[in-house]
Amino acid sequence: MLSDIEIAKSVKLRPINDVAAELGLHEDQIENYGRYIAKVTTGAIDKEKFAGHHLILVTAISPTKAGNGKTTVSVGLALGMQKIGKNAVVALREPSLGPCFGMKGGAAGGGYAQVLPMDKINLHFTGDFHAITEANNMIAALLDNYRYQHEAEGFKLKKILWRRVMDVNDRGLRRIITGLGDKNGIETETGFDITPASEIMAIMCFATSIDDLRRRIDNILLGITEDDKPFTVKDMGVGGSIVALLLDALKPNLVQTTEGTPAFVHCGPFANIAHGCNSVMATAAALEYGDYAITEAGFGADLGAEKFYDIKCRKTGLQPDLTVLVVTLQALKMHGGVALEDIKEPNIAGMENGYWNLDKHVRNLQSFGQTVVIAFNKFATDTDEEIEVLRKHCEEMGCGFAVNSAFAEGGKGAVELAELVVKTIDERPSSPLYLAYGDDESVEKKIESVAFNLYGAGSVTLSDSAKAMIDEIKKLGAEKFPVCIAKTQYSFSTDAKAYGPTDGFELHVRDITVNMGAEMIVVIAGPIMRMPGLPKSPQAERIDVVNGEITGLS
């Protein structure tokens, strides 16, 4: 069986200008990065251009180490749409080097349902991640310099909120001290987060124009002064220089799928420690140029989908016509208590024991007013008997069910799913979006609404630092912002090892930070870290260059 990168290398790519021309993009809207990648210059987002176009969200049940394949399903659905004569465009997040060299080895889809050129997309791509990293760290350097240069004038921050970032999993940098030694600045305890968790990444996702980007950058809260006043990027007078670093990165990237259909790939926040959705500009472009825009939100529906609705849709007014929930037998079995080494074996009872996870996600999605279609992502070891038992269960819940085998068969393997999606949108589209909480509710109430109603928590507790930050948020007038809860992706609870039902658990809020530029409140729950660590055997051990070709990306 061919690896993902071997399949990717076997595809004859179309010149990106041809892909762009079929979308209706003019030459002056395209900036080529080689023959197969382009930046797209987009104008102001005009919702009138979306009339009659359909937005589809792809999410999943809680992930496991075995993976669920949301990106593969998202790309496969676009391919299946093309097979049945529909104009579909997929909009995805950019991969991070952290998972690529850590756990996963790549994040551009899989098998015959990938976005290409996958090696470039998975690695440096068009430099967006590097621009975001450098912009973040430029602000950190400028802030340290400002403190150093103005200390003699009495300037001092009693609380510093800005941290450095890098796009590498590095647990050793979570907590560090800078400025050690004579004349090296002011000694400060600080640390690094991973780039996908940065506020700059979130700002890039939400910015709708250069002017909006500048406004958001200027509003970034860097710290609190000794006299209890907010200190921002605007106060340093460097917002223009940061926008200059991000100017090209703001433009969505146009690539293609394994079957030559268009795909926008832009920005890449994680859904466990950030909001998990691609950029508004990329989603808008997919909606403008495709009759069907297909986008995904990271990890399980308790994370990515909730944040897609409560943050991204709240901010933009986007209304999904349908949500596709990706399910695998292997994940159901793990959630049903089957050991990892046994999940490929036929086990209907183990699968049924895992229904609680599927059912909870379905109920949650329906609480947002969403019509839900189940995309069964087929693996080679799945049996027909297991699939039919699962199909019956999903249909009894009122959810359409389709088998997706795009990984092995490309668009042909996603025709059943594509036909079901089109039929469902025509006959039973989602209701107007119902959000989990109102803008005017308190920060505590917003957290509780998500924790109690979606996660199934029995209680919410706040650390002293979290309570203090809520007081600061009130002073800043930022209570209206939505909450972005950072927690483990492997469980509805905050315990990464709790695969079974967890209703009644305690959600402990360890810390809170406010993103004044991104206009959201990040709530850190449980032991989750915003800088991941590497596993014992990282994927980097398997990535290589052989005869000038990259191997090991999958």
Protein backbone atom coordinates (compact mmCIF):
# COMPACT_ATOMS: atom_id res chain seq x y z
CA MET A 1 0.00 0.00 0.00
CA LEU A 2 1.33 3.41 -0.97
CA SER A 3 2.01 5.99 1.75
CA ASP A 4 0.33 9.38 1.71
CA ILE A 5 3.41 11.09 0.34
CA GLU A 6 3.87 8.42 -2.34
CA ILE A 7 0.27 8.93 -3.46
CA ALA A 8 0.79 12.70 -3.43
CA LYS A 9 3.92 12.42 -5.55
CA SER A 10 2.11 10.21 -8.08
CA VAL A 11 -0.50 12.89 -8.86
CA LYS A 12 0.09 15.12 -11.88
CA LEU A 13 -0.68 18.57 -10.54
CA ARG A 14 -2.51 21.22 -12.53
CA PRO A 15 -0.93 24.67 -12.88
CA ILE A 16 -2.48 26.74 -10.09
CA ASN A 17 -3.41 29.47 -12.58
CA ASP A 18 -5.73 26.97 -14.29
CA VAL A 19 -7.36 26.09 -10.95
CA ALA A 20 -7.78 29.80 -10.18
CA ALA A 21 -9.23 30.57 -13.61
CA GLU A 22 -11.89 27.87 -13.21
CA LEU A 23 -12.89 29.50 -9.90
CA GLY A 24 -13.32 32.82 -11.67
CA LEU A 25 -10.28 34.51 -10.14
CA HIS A 26 -8.56 37.12 -12.29
CA GLU A 27 -4.81 37.19 -12.91
CA ASP A 28 -4.41 40.33 -10.80
CA GLN A 29 -5.89 38.44 -7.81
CA ILE A 30 -3.22 35.72 -7.91
CA GLU A 31 0.32 35.82 -6.55
CA ASN A 32 2.16 32.66 -7.51
CA TYR A 33 4.41 30.74 -5.13
CA GLY A 34 5.81 28.42 -7.77
CA ARG A 35 3.56 26.59 -10.24
CA TYR A 36 1.17 24.90 -7.82
CA ILE A 37 0.55 27.34 -4.94
CA ALA A 38 -0.80 30.88 -4.98
CA LYS A 39 -1.80 33.63 -2.63
CA VAL A 40 -5.22 35.09 -3.38
CA THR A 41 -5.88 38.79 -2.98
CA THR A 42 -9.46 39.12 -1.82
CA GLY A 43 -11.56 42.22 -1.48
CA ALA A 44 -13.95 43.05 1.33
CA ILE A 45 -16.14 40.17 2.42
CA ASP A 46 -19.50 40.68 0.73
CA LYS A 47 -22.21 38.43 2.14
CA GLU A 48 -24.44 39.18 -0.84
CA LYS A 49 -22.05 37.04 -2.89
CA PHE A 50 -22.91 34.08 -0.63
CA ALA A 51 -26.61 34.07 -1.52
CA GLY A 52 -27.69 30.58 -2.49
CA HIS A 53 -24.31 29.13 -1.49
CA HIS A 54 -24.09 26.50 1.23
CA LEU A 55 -21.66 26.22 4.16
CA ILE A 56 -20.92 22.74 5.51
CA LEU A 57 -18.96 22.11 8.72
CA VAL A 58 -17.06 18.85 9.19
CA THR A 59 -16.38 17.81 12.80
CA ALA A 60 -15.95 14.51 14.65
CA ILE A 61 -16.53 12.48 17.77
CA SER A 62 -13.79 12.67 20.42
CA PRO A 63 -10.46 11.72 18.84
CA THR A 64 -8.19 8.90 19.86
CA LYS A 65 -4.60 8.02 19.10
CA ALA A 66 -5.98 6.07 16.12
CA GLY A 67 -7.32 9.27 14.52
CA ASN A 68 -10.72 10.05 13.00
CA GLY A 69 -9.80 11.60 9.65
CA LYS A 70 -11.75 14.88 9.53
CA THR A 71 -9.45 16.42 6.93
CA THR A 72 -9.62 13.29 4.78
CA VAL A 73 -13.43 13.40 4.96
CA SER A 74 -13.52 17.14 4.24
CA VAL A 75 -11.37 16.75 1.13
CA GLY A 76 -13.19 13.55 0.17
CA LEU A 77 -16.57 15.28 0.40
CA ALA A 78 -15.35 18.00 -1.98
CA LEU A 79 -14.17 15.30 -4.37
CA GLY A 80 -17.47 13.44 -4.08
CA MET A 81 -19.35 16.67 -4.78
CA GLN A 82 -17.29 17.12 -7.94
CA LYS A 83 -18.15 13.56 -9.02
CA ILE A 84 -21.88 14.32 -8.84
CA GLY A 85 -21.53 17.59 -10.73
CA LYS A 86 -21.53 20.07 -7.84
CA ASN A 87 -19.20 23.05 -7.49
CA ALA A 88 -17.54 22.54 -4.12
CA VAL A 89 -14.53 24.28 -2.57
CA VAL A 90 -12.83 23.08 0.61
CA ALA A 91 -11.31 25.48 3.17
CA LEU A 92 -8.84 24.00 5.66
CA ARG A 93 -6.30 25.02 8.29
CA GLU A 94 -2.57 25.02 7.64
CA PRO A 95 -0.61 22.23 9.36
CA SER A 96 1.76 23.02 12.22
CA LEU A 97 5.31 21.70 12.35
CA GLY A 98 4.64 20.64 15.96
CA PRO A 99 2.35 17.68 15.15
CA CYS A 100 4.08 17.02 11.80
CA PHE A 101 7.37 16.26 13.56
CA GLY A 102 5.68 15.01 16.73
CA MET A 103 2.62 12.75 16.66
CA LYS A 104 1.04 12.86 13.21
CA GLY A 105 3.61 13.36 10.46
CA GLY A 106 1.26 15.57 8.43
CA ALA A 107 -2.16 17.19 8.32
CA ALA A 108 -3.11 17.56 4.66
CA GLY A 109 -5.62 14.71 4.49
CA GLY A 110 -4.75 11.15 3.62
CA GLY A 111 -4.65 8.52 0.90
CA TYR A 112 -6.43 9.67 -2.24
CA ALA A 113 -8.14 12.57 -0.44
CA GLN A 114 -5.37 15.10 0.16
CA VAL A 115 -4.55 18.72 -0.56
CA LEU A 116 -1.39 19.11 -2.65
CA PRO A 117 1.55 19.62 -2.82
CA MET A 118 1.34 17.98 0.59
CA ASP A 119 5.05 18.14 1.43
CA LYS A 120 5.16 21.90 0.96
CA ILE A 121 1.82 22.43 2.75
CA ASN A 122 3.01 20.36 5.71
CA LEU A 123 6.37 22.10 5.95
CA HIS A 124 7.11 25.78 5.18
CA PHE A 125 4.25 26.34 2.68
CA THR A 126 4.05 30.09 1.93
CA GLY A 127 5.67 31.16 5.18
CA ASP A 128 2.47 32.14 7.01
CA PHE A 129 3.39 30.34 10.23
CA HIS A 130 6.86 31.89 10.19
CA ALA A 131 5.41 35.38 9.68
CA ILE A 132 3.00 34.86 12.59
CA THR A 133 5.81 33.53 14.80
CA GLU A 134 8.11 36.43 13.96
CA ALA A 135 5.35 39.02 14.45
CA ASN A 136 4.59 37.59 17.90
CA ASN A 137 8.24 37.50 18.94
CA MET A 138 8.91 40.95 17.49
CA ILE A 139 6.24 42.28 19.85
CA ALA A 140 7.93 40.42 22.74
CA ALA A 141 11.33 41.91 21.86
CA LEU A 142 9.87 45.40 21.48
CA LEU A 143 8.07 45.07 24.81
CA ASP A 144 11.23 43.96 26.61
CA ASN A 145 13.11 46.86 25.03
CA TYR A 146 10.40 49.35 25.99
CA ARG A 147 10.54 48.21 29.61
CA TYR A 148 14.35 48.43 29.61
CA GLN A 149 14.53 51.83 27.93
CA HIS A 150 11.79 53.45 30.03
CA GLU A 151 12.52 51.87 33.42
CA ALA A 152 14.46 54.93 34.57
CA GLU A 153 11.38 57.05 33.83
CA GLY A 154 9.35 54.94 36.26
CA PHE A 155 7.64 52.72 33.70
CA LYS A 156 6.85 49.28 35.09
CA LEU A 157 4.35 46.51 34.42
CA LYS A 158 2.95 44.74 37.47
CA LYS A 159 1.67 41.97 35.20
CA ILE A 160 3.13 40.90 31.83
CA LEU A 161 0.69 38.94 29.67
CA TRP A 162 2.63 38.50 26.42
CA ARG A 163 4.64 35.32 25.80
CA ARG A 164 6.90 34.19 23.01
CA VAL A 165 5.93 31.42 20.57
CA MET A 166 7.53 28.94 18.21
CA ASP A 167 6.07 26.29 15.89
CA VAL A 168 7.84 23.37 17.56
CA ASN A 169 6.73 21.11 20.40
CA ASP A 170 9.24 21.98 23.14
CA ARG A 171 8.24 21.34 26.76
CA GLY A 172 11.57 22.76 27.97
CA LEU A 173 10.47 26.26 26.96
CA ARG A 174 7.14 26.33 28.79
CA ARG A 175 8.65 28.32 31.67
CA ILE A 176 11.90 30.25 31.28
CA ILE A 177 13.71 33.31 32.67
CA THR A 178 14.95 35.99 30.27
CA GLY A 179 17.31 38.90 30.88
CA LEU A 180 19.84 37.01 33.00
CA GLY A 181 23.20 38.72 33.44
CA ASP A 182 24.36 42.33 33.46
CA LYS A 183 23.02 44.66 30.74
CA ASN A 184 20.80 41.96 29.19
CA GLY A 185 17.52 43.65 29.93
CA ILE A 186 15.20 43.12 32.87
CA GLU A 187 15.15 39.66 34.42
CA THR A 188 11.68 38.25 33.76
CA GLU A 189 9.95 34.93 34.23
CA THR A 190 8.12 34.11 31.00
CA GLY A 191 7.75 31.22 28.56
CA PHE A 192 6.81 29.97 25.11
CA ASP A 193 3.51 28.77 23.66
CA ILE A 194 3.22 27.00 20.32
CA THR A 195 2.45 29.30 17.38
CA PRO A 196 -1.06 27.86 16.71
CA ALA A 197 -2.07 28.95 20.24
CA SER A 198 -0.89 32.53 19.80
CA GLU A 199 -3.15 35.56 19.74
CA ILE A 200 -1.54 36.63 16.45
CA MET A 201 -2.77 33.38 14.90
CA ALA A 202 -6.29 34.06 16.17
CA ILE A 203 -6.15 37.65 14.92
CA MET A 204 -5.11 36.44 11.46
CA CYS A 205 -8.06 34.07 11.48
CA PHE A 206 -10.58 36.80 12.34
CA ALA A 207 -9.17 39.79 10.42
CA THR A 208 -11.30 40.76 7.41
CA SER A 209 -9.03 43.42 5.91
CA ILE A 210 -5.69 45.18 6.39
CA ASP A 211 -7.43 47.94 8.36
CA ASP A 212 -9.12 45.36 10.58
CA LEU A 213 -5.78 43.62 11.10
CA ARG A 214 -4.18 46.92 12.18
CA ARG A 215 -7.02 47.65 14.60
CA ARG A 216 -6.70 44.24 16.20
CA ILE A 217 -2.90 44.39 16.45
CA ASP A 218 -3.05 47.80 18.11
CA ASN A 219 -5.56 46.46 20.66
CA ILE A 220 -3.37 43.56 21.85
CA LEU A 221 -3.06 43.73 25.64
CA LEU A 222 0.58 43.24 26.66
CA GLY A 223 0.31 43.86 30.38
CA ILE A 224 -1.06 45.90 33.26
CA THR A 225 0.86 48.92 34.56
CA GLU A 226 1.64 49.68 38.20
CA ASP A 227 -1.24 52.17 38.24
CA ASP A 228 -3.71 49.54 36.96
CA LYS A 229 -3.91 50.69 33.34
CA PRO A 230 -3.81 48.42 30.28
CA PHE A 231 -0.66 48.58 28.18
CA THR A 232 -1.15 47.72 24.50
CA VAL A 233 0.75 47.47 21.23
CA LYS A 234 -0.70 50.86 20.30
CA ASP A 235 0.92 52.35 23.40
CA MET A 236 4.32 51.25 22.05
CA GLY A 237 3.54 52.76 18.63
CA VAL A 238 4.69 49.69 16.67
CA GLY A 239 1.42 48.36 15.23
CA GLY A 240 2.31 49.36 11.67
CA SER A 241 5.56 47.39 11.73
CA ILE A 242 3.75 44.25 12.90
CA VAL A 243 1.15 44.59 10.14
CA ALA A 244 4.04 44.92 7.66
CA LEU A 245 5.34 41.53 8.80
CA LEU A 246 1.88 39.97 8.33
CA LEU A 247 0.82 41.63 5.09
CA ASP A 248 1.41 38.67 2.76
CA ALA A 249 0.37 36.09 5.35
CA LEU A 250 -3.09 37.69 5.54
CA LYS A 251 -3.87 36.51 2.01
CA PRO A 252 -5.47 33.02 1.76
CA ASN A 253 -3.50 30.25 0.03
CA LEU A 254 -4.96 28.47 -3.00
CA VAL A 255 -3.90 24.87 -3.69
CA GLN A 256 -5.62 21.79 -5.14
CA THR A 257 -6.80 18.35 -4.14
CA THR A 258 -5.63 14.99 -5.40
CA GLU A 259 -8.27 15.31 -8.14
CA GLY A 260 -7.46 18.89 -9.07
CA THR A 261 -10.35 20.63 -7.32
CA PRO A 262 -9.64 23.96 -5.57
CA ALA A 263 -8.80 24.26 -1.89
CA PHE A 264 -8.09 27.26 0.33
CA VAL A 265 -5.63 26.46 3.14
CA HIS A 266 -5.04 29.32 5.54
CA CYS A 267 -4.05 29.82 9.20
CA GLY A 268 -3.87 26.97 11.70
CA PRO A 269 -5.03 27.36 15.31
CA PHE A 270 -5.38 24.16 17.34
CA ALA A 271 -8.86 23.45 18.72
CA ASN A 272 -7.74 22.13 22.11
CA ILE A 273 -5.68 25.20 23.07
CA ALA A 274 -7.09 27.77 20.62
CA HIS A 275 -10.27 28.15 18.54
CA GLY A 276 -9.48 25.53 15.89
CA CYS A 277 -10.91 27.11 12.71
CA ASN A 278 -9.29 28.38 9.52
CA SER A 279 -9.42 32.04 8.57
CA VAL A 280 -12.62 33.96 7.96
CA MET A 281 -11.15 35.17 4.67
CA ALA A 282 -10.52 31.62 3.43
CA THR A 283 -13.99 30.45 4.43
CA ALA A 284 -15.50 33.52 2.75
CA ALA A 285 -13.50 32.82 -0.41
CA ALA A 286 -14.72 29.22 -0.47
CA LEU A 287 -18.30 30.45 -0.05
CA GLU A 288 -17.93 33.09 -2.75
CA TYR A 289 -16.40 30.82 -5.37
CA GLY A 290 -18.06 27.51 -4.51
CA ASP A 291 -21.75 26.65 -4.46
CA TYR A 292 -20.82 24.42 -1.53
CA ALA A 293 -18.09 25.50 0.90
CA ILE A 294 -16.74 22.69 3.05
CA THR A 295 -14.69 23.53 6.13
CA GLU A 296 -13.52 21.62 9.18
CA ALA A 297 -12.99 22.47 12.82
CA GLY A 298 -10.31 20.75 14.85
CA PHE A 299 -10.54 17.74 17.19
CA GLY A 300 -13.94 16.64 18.54
CA ALA A 301 -17.19 18.58 18.25
CA ASP A 302 -16.96 19.62 21.92
CA LEU A 303 -13.94 21.73 20.95
CA GLY A 304 -13.73 22.71 17.26
CA ALA A 305 -17.43 22.73 16.42
CA GLU A 306 -18.46 24.56 19.59
CA LYS A 307 -15.85 27.25 18.90
CA PHE A 308 -16.84 27.41 15.23
CA TYR A 309 -20.41 28.25 16.23
CA ASP A 310 -19.86 30.26 19.41
CA ILE A 311 -16.82 32.24 18.25
CA LYS A 312 -16.39 32.23 14.46
CA CYS A 313 -20.07 32.26 13.49
CA ARG A 314 -20.93 34.69 16.29
CA LYS A 315 -18.30 37.14 14.98
CA THR A 316 -19.15 36.79 11.27
CA GLY A 317 -22.81 35.88 11.07
CA LEU A 318 -21.96 32.71 9.12
CA GLN A 319 -24.73 30.08 9.19
CA PRO A 320 -23.83 26.45 8.42
CA ASP A 321 -26.48 24.61 6.44
CA LEU A 322 -25.31 21.26 7.73
CA THR A 323 -22.81 19.66 10.10
CA VAL A 324 -21.07 16.42 9.14
CA LEU A 325 -19.94 14.32 12.12
CA VAL A 326 -17.07 11.94 11.36
CA VAL A 327 -17.19 8.57 13.10
CA THR A 328 -14.85 5.56 13.01
CA LEU A 329 -15.30 2.10 14.47
CA GLN A 330 -11.86 2.25 16.04
CA ALA A 331 -12.71 5.42 17.97
CA LEU A 332 -16.08 4.02 19.09
CA LYS A 333 -14.38 0.89 20.36
CA MET A 334 -11.81 2.86 22.32
CA HIS A 335 -14.57 4.98 23.85
CA GLY A 336 -16.33 1.72 24.62
CA GLY A 337 -13.41 0.41 26.66
CA VAL A 338 -11.65 -1.76 24.04
CA ALA A 339 -7.87 -1.78 24.38
CA LEU A 340 -5.87 0.09 21.72
CA GLU A 341 -4.22 -3.09 20.47
CA ASP A 342 -7.65 -4.72 19.90
CA ILE A 343 -9.62 -1.94 18.18
CA LYS A 344 -9.07 -3.35 14.68
CA GLU A 345 -10.74 -6.64 15.61
CA PRO A 346 -14.51 -7.12 14.96
CA ASN A 347 -16.36 -6.24 18.16
CA ILE A 348 -19.97 -5.09 17.89
CA ALA A 349 -20.45 -5.01 21.67
CA GLY A 350 -17.36 -2.83 22.11
CA MET A 351 -18.60 -0.52 19.38
CA GLU A 352 -22.04 -0.23 20.99
CA ASN A 353 -20.44 0.54 24.35
CA GLY A 354 -18.89 3.58 22.65
CA TYR A 355 -22.21 4.96 21.40
CA TRP A 356 -22.40 7.25 24.44
CA ASN A 357 -19.67 9.43 22.88
CA LEU A 358 -21.33 9.58 19.47
CA ASP A 359 -24.77 10.25 20.95
CA LYS A 360 -23.50 13.06 23.20
CA HIS A 361 -21.85 14.81 20.27
CA VAL A 362 -25.00 14.47 18.15
CA ARG A 363 -27.17 15.96 20.92
CA ASN A 364 -24.72 18.81 21.39
CA LEU A 365 -24.70 19.65 17.68
CA GLN A 366 -28.47 19.50 17.51
CA SER A 367 -28.66 21.93 20.45
CA PHE A 368 -27.08 24.53 18.14
CA GLY A 369 -29.93 23.94 15.67
CA GLN A 370 -27.78 21.84 13.37
CA THR A 371 -28.96 19.06 11.11
CA VAL A 372 -26.37 16.30 11.53
CA VAL A 373 -25.17 13.79 8.95
CA ILE A 374 -22.88 10.95 10.04
CA ALA A 375 -19.86 10.33 7.81
CA PHE A 376 -18.55 6.87 8.55
CA ASN A 377 -14.84 7.01 7.71
CA LYS A 378 -14.10 3.48 6.58
CA PHE A 379 -10.92 1.61 7.48
CA ALA A 380 -9.82 -1.62 5.77
CA THR A 381 -10.45 -3.72 8.92
CA ASP A 382 -14.09 -2.61 9.35
CA THR A 383 -16.71 -5.31 8.74
CA ASP A 384 -19.99 -4.93 6.85
CA GLU A 385 -21.90 -6.27 9.85
CA GLU A 386 -20.45 -3.63 12.19
CA ILE A 387 -21.18 -0.87 9.68
CA GLU A 388 -24.81 -1.88 9.24
CA VAL A 389 -25.40 -2.05 13.01
CA LEU A 390 -23.96 1.47 13.32
CA ARG A 391 -26.00 2.72 10.36
CA LYS A 392 -29.22 1.54 12.00
CA HIS A 393 -28.30 3.24 15.28
CA CYS A 394 -27.57 6.57 13.55
CA GLU A 395 -30.77 6.48 11.53
CA GLU A 396 -32.76 5.77 14.71
CA MET A 397 -31.24 9.00 16.10
CA GLY A 398 -32.58 10.89 13.07
CA CYS A 399 -29.17 11.31 11.44
CA GLY A 400 -28.40 10.49 7.83
CA PHE A 401 -25.57 7.97 7.48
CA ALA A 402 -23.09 7.48 4.63
CA VAL A 403 -19.92 5.45 4.23
CA ASN A 404 -16.88 7.44 3.15
CA SER A 405 -14.01 5.53 1.57
CA ALA A 406 -12.30 8.50 -0.07
CA PHE A 407 -9.00 7.55 1.58
CA ALA A 408 -8.80 4.44 -0.61
CA GLU A 409 -10.91 5.50 -3.60
CA GLY A 410 -10.81 9.29 -3.86
CA GLY A 411 -13.95 11.07 -5.02
CA LYS A 412 -15.62 7.83 -6.12
CA GLY A 413 -15.52 6.66 -2.50
CA ALA A 414 -17.32 9.77 -1.27
CA VAL A 415 -20.24 9.84 -3.73
CA GLU A 416 -22.65 8.32 -1.19
CA LEU A 417 -21.73 11.00 1.34
CA ALA A 418 -21.92 13.81 -1.23
CA GLU A 419 -25.37 12.74 -2.41
CA LEU A 420 -26.62 12.50 1.18
CA VAL A 421 -25.25 15.96 2.03
CA VAL A 422 -26.87 17.61 -1.00
CA LYS A 423 -30.19 15.85 -0.39
CA THR A 424 -30.21 16.79 3.30
CA ILE A 425 -29.43 20.44 2.61
CA ASP A 426 -32.22 20.57 0.03
CA GLU A 427 -34.81 18.84 2.21
CA ARG A 428 -33.82 19.43 5.82
CA PRO A 429 -31.24 22.20 6.28
CA SER A 430 -30.15 23.38 9.71
CA SER A 431 -32.20 25.90 11.65
CA PRO A 432 -30.81 29.38 12.34
CA LEU A 433 -27.85 28.98 14.67
CA TYR A 434 -28.61 28.86 18.39
CA LEU A 435 -25.54 29.83 20.41
CA ALA A 436 -24.57 28.35 23.78
CA TYR A 437 -24.60 31.68 25.61
CA GLY A 438 -25.34 35.37 25.09
CA ASP A 439 -22.81 38.16 24.63
CA ASP A 440 -23.99 39.96 27.75
CA GLU A 441 -23.65 37.01 30.13
CA SER A 442 -20.81 37.03 32.65
CA VAL A 443 -17.55 35.23 31.96
CA GLU A 444 -18.39 32.71 34.70
CA LYS A 445 -21.83 32.04 33.16
CA LYS A 446 -20.36 31.54 29.69
CA ILE A 447 -17.87 28.99 31.00
CA GLU A 448 -20.61 27.20 32.95
CA SER A 449 -22.94 27.09 29.92
CA VAL A 450 -20.35 25.22 27.87
CA ALA A 451 -19.11 23.06 30.76
CA PHE A 452 -22.55 22.00 32.04
CA ASN A 453 -24.56 21.80 28.82
CA LEU A 454 -21.95 20.48 26.36
CA TYR A 455 -19.23 18.76 28.39
CA GLY A 456 -21.50 17.38 31.13
CA ALA A 457 -19.49 18.86 34.00
CA GLY A 458 -20.97 18.71 37.49
CA SER A 459 -19.14 21.78 38.80
CA VAL A 460 -16.84 24.59 37.69
CA THR A 461 -14.13 25.91 40.00
CA LEU A 462 -11.82 28.87 39.46
CA SER A 463 -8.24 29.35 40.68
CA ASP A 464 -7.34 32.61 42.39
CA SER A 465 -5.45 33.77 39.29
CA ALA A 466 -8.50 33.03 37.11
CA LYS A 467 -10.74 35.04 39.46
CA ALA A 468 -8.27 37.92 39.41
CA MET A 469 -8.19 37.89 35.62
CA ILE A 470 -11.99 38.00 35.45
CA ASP A 471 -11.81 41.17 37.55
CA GLU A 472 -9.33 42.62 35.03
CA ILE A 473 -11.61 41.61 32.14
CA LYS A 474 -14.47 43.51 33.76
CA LYS A 475 -12.29 46.62 34.11
CA LEU A 476 -11.29 46.31 30.45
CA GLY A 477 -14.92 46.07 29.35
CA ALA A 478 -14.17 42.75 27.65
CA GLU A 479 -16.89 40.61 29.28
CA LYS A 480 -18.84 40.60 26.01
CA PHE A 481 -16.17 38.49 24.29
CA PRO A 482 -16.84 34.78 23.71
CA VAL A 483 -14.91 32.19 25.70
CA CYS A 484 -12.40 29.82 24.13
CA ILE A 485 -11.93 26.89 26.51
CA ALA A 486 -8.57 25.12 26.33
CA LYS A 487 -8.78 21.51 27.51
CA THR A 488 -7.78 18.00 26.48
CA GLN A 489 -9.19 16.74 23.19
CA TYR A 490 -9.36 13.11 24.28
CA SER A 491 -12.27 13.43 26.69
CA PHE A 492 -15.31 15.58 27.42
CA SER A 493 -13.64 16.12 30.80
CA THR A 494 -10.24 17.66 31.55
CA ASP A 495 -8.67 14.22 32.10
CA ALA A 496 -6.96 13.04 28.90
CA LYS A 497 -7.19 9.40 30.02
CA ALA A 498 -10.93 9.43 30.76
CA TYR A 499 -12.27 7.67 27.66
CA GLY A 500 -15.54 6.51 29.21
CA PRO A 501 -18.57 8.61 30.26
CA THR A 502 -17.48 11.50 32.45
CA ASP A 503 -20.70 13.30 33.41
CA GLY A 504 -20.46 15.08 36.76
CA PHE A 505 -16.72 15.82 36.63
CA GLU A 506 -15.20 18.99 38.06
CA LEU A 507 -13.94 21.47 35.46
CA HIS A 508 -11.19 23.41 37.17
CA VAL A 509 -10.16 26.67 35.47
CA ARG A 510 -6.43 27.01 36.08
CA ASP A 511 -5.94 30.33 34.34
CA ILE A 512 -7.61 32.87 32.06
CA THR A 513 -6.15 35.30 29.56
CA VAL A 514 -7.90 37.90 27.46
CA ASN A 515 -7.11 38.38 23.77
CA MET A 516 -8.14 42.00 23.22
CA GLY A 517 -7.04 41.87 19.59
CA ALA A 518 -8.67 38.55 18.75
CA GLU A 519 -11.63 39.59 20.93
CA MET A 520 -12.00 36.37 22.88
CA ILE A 521 -11.30 35.10 26.39
CA VAL A 522 -9.04 32.04 26.62
CA VAL A 523 -9.98 29.77 29.54
CA ILE A 524 -7.33 27.19 30.46
CA ALA A 525 -9.01 24.19 32.09
CA GLY A 526 -7.25 21.29 33.78
CA PRO A 527 -3.61 20.41 33.14
CA ILE A 528 -3.60 21.26 29.39
CA MET A 529 -0.44 23.05 28.19
CA ARG A 530 -0.36 25.64 25.42
CA MET A 531 3.10 24.36 24.47
CA PRO A 532 2.89 20.62 23.69
CA GLY A 533 5.73 18.19 24.31
CA LEU A 534 7.18 15.57 21.98
CA PRO A 535 6.36 11.85 22.37
CA LYS A 536 8.96 9.22 23.20
CA SER A 537 9.28 8.35 19.51
CA PRO A 538 8.51 11.53 17.53
CA GLN A 539 7.64 11.40 13.84
CA ALA A 540 10.87 13.34 13.23
CA GLU A 541 12.69 10.00 13.57
CA ARG A 542 10.93 8.81 10.41
CA ILE A 543 11.08 11.93 8.23
CA ASP A 544 14.00 11.91 5.81
CA VAL A 545 15.21 12.99 2.37
CA VAL A 546 15.96 10.12 -0.01
CA ASN A 547 17.28 10.84 -3.50
CA GLY A 548 16.19 14.44 -3.10
CA GLU A 549 12.60 13.53 -2.13
CA ILE A 550 11.04 14.01 1.31
CA THR A 551 9.80 10.80 2.95
CA GLY A 552 8.03 10.03 6.23
CA LEU A 553 5.28 12.64 5.96
CA SER A 554 1.95 10.88 6.26
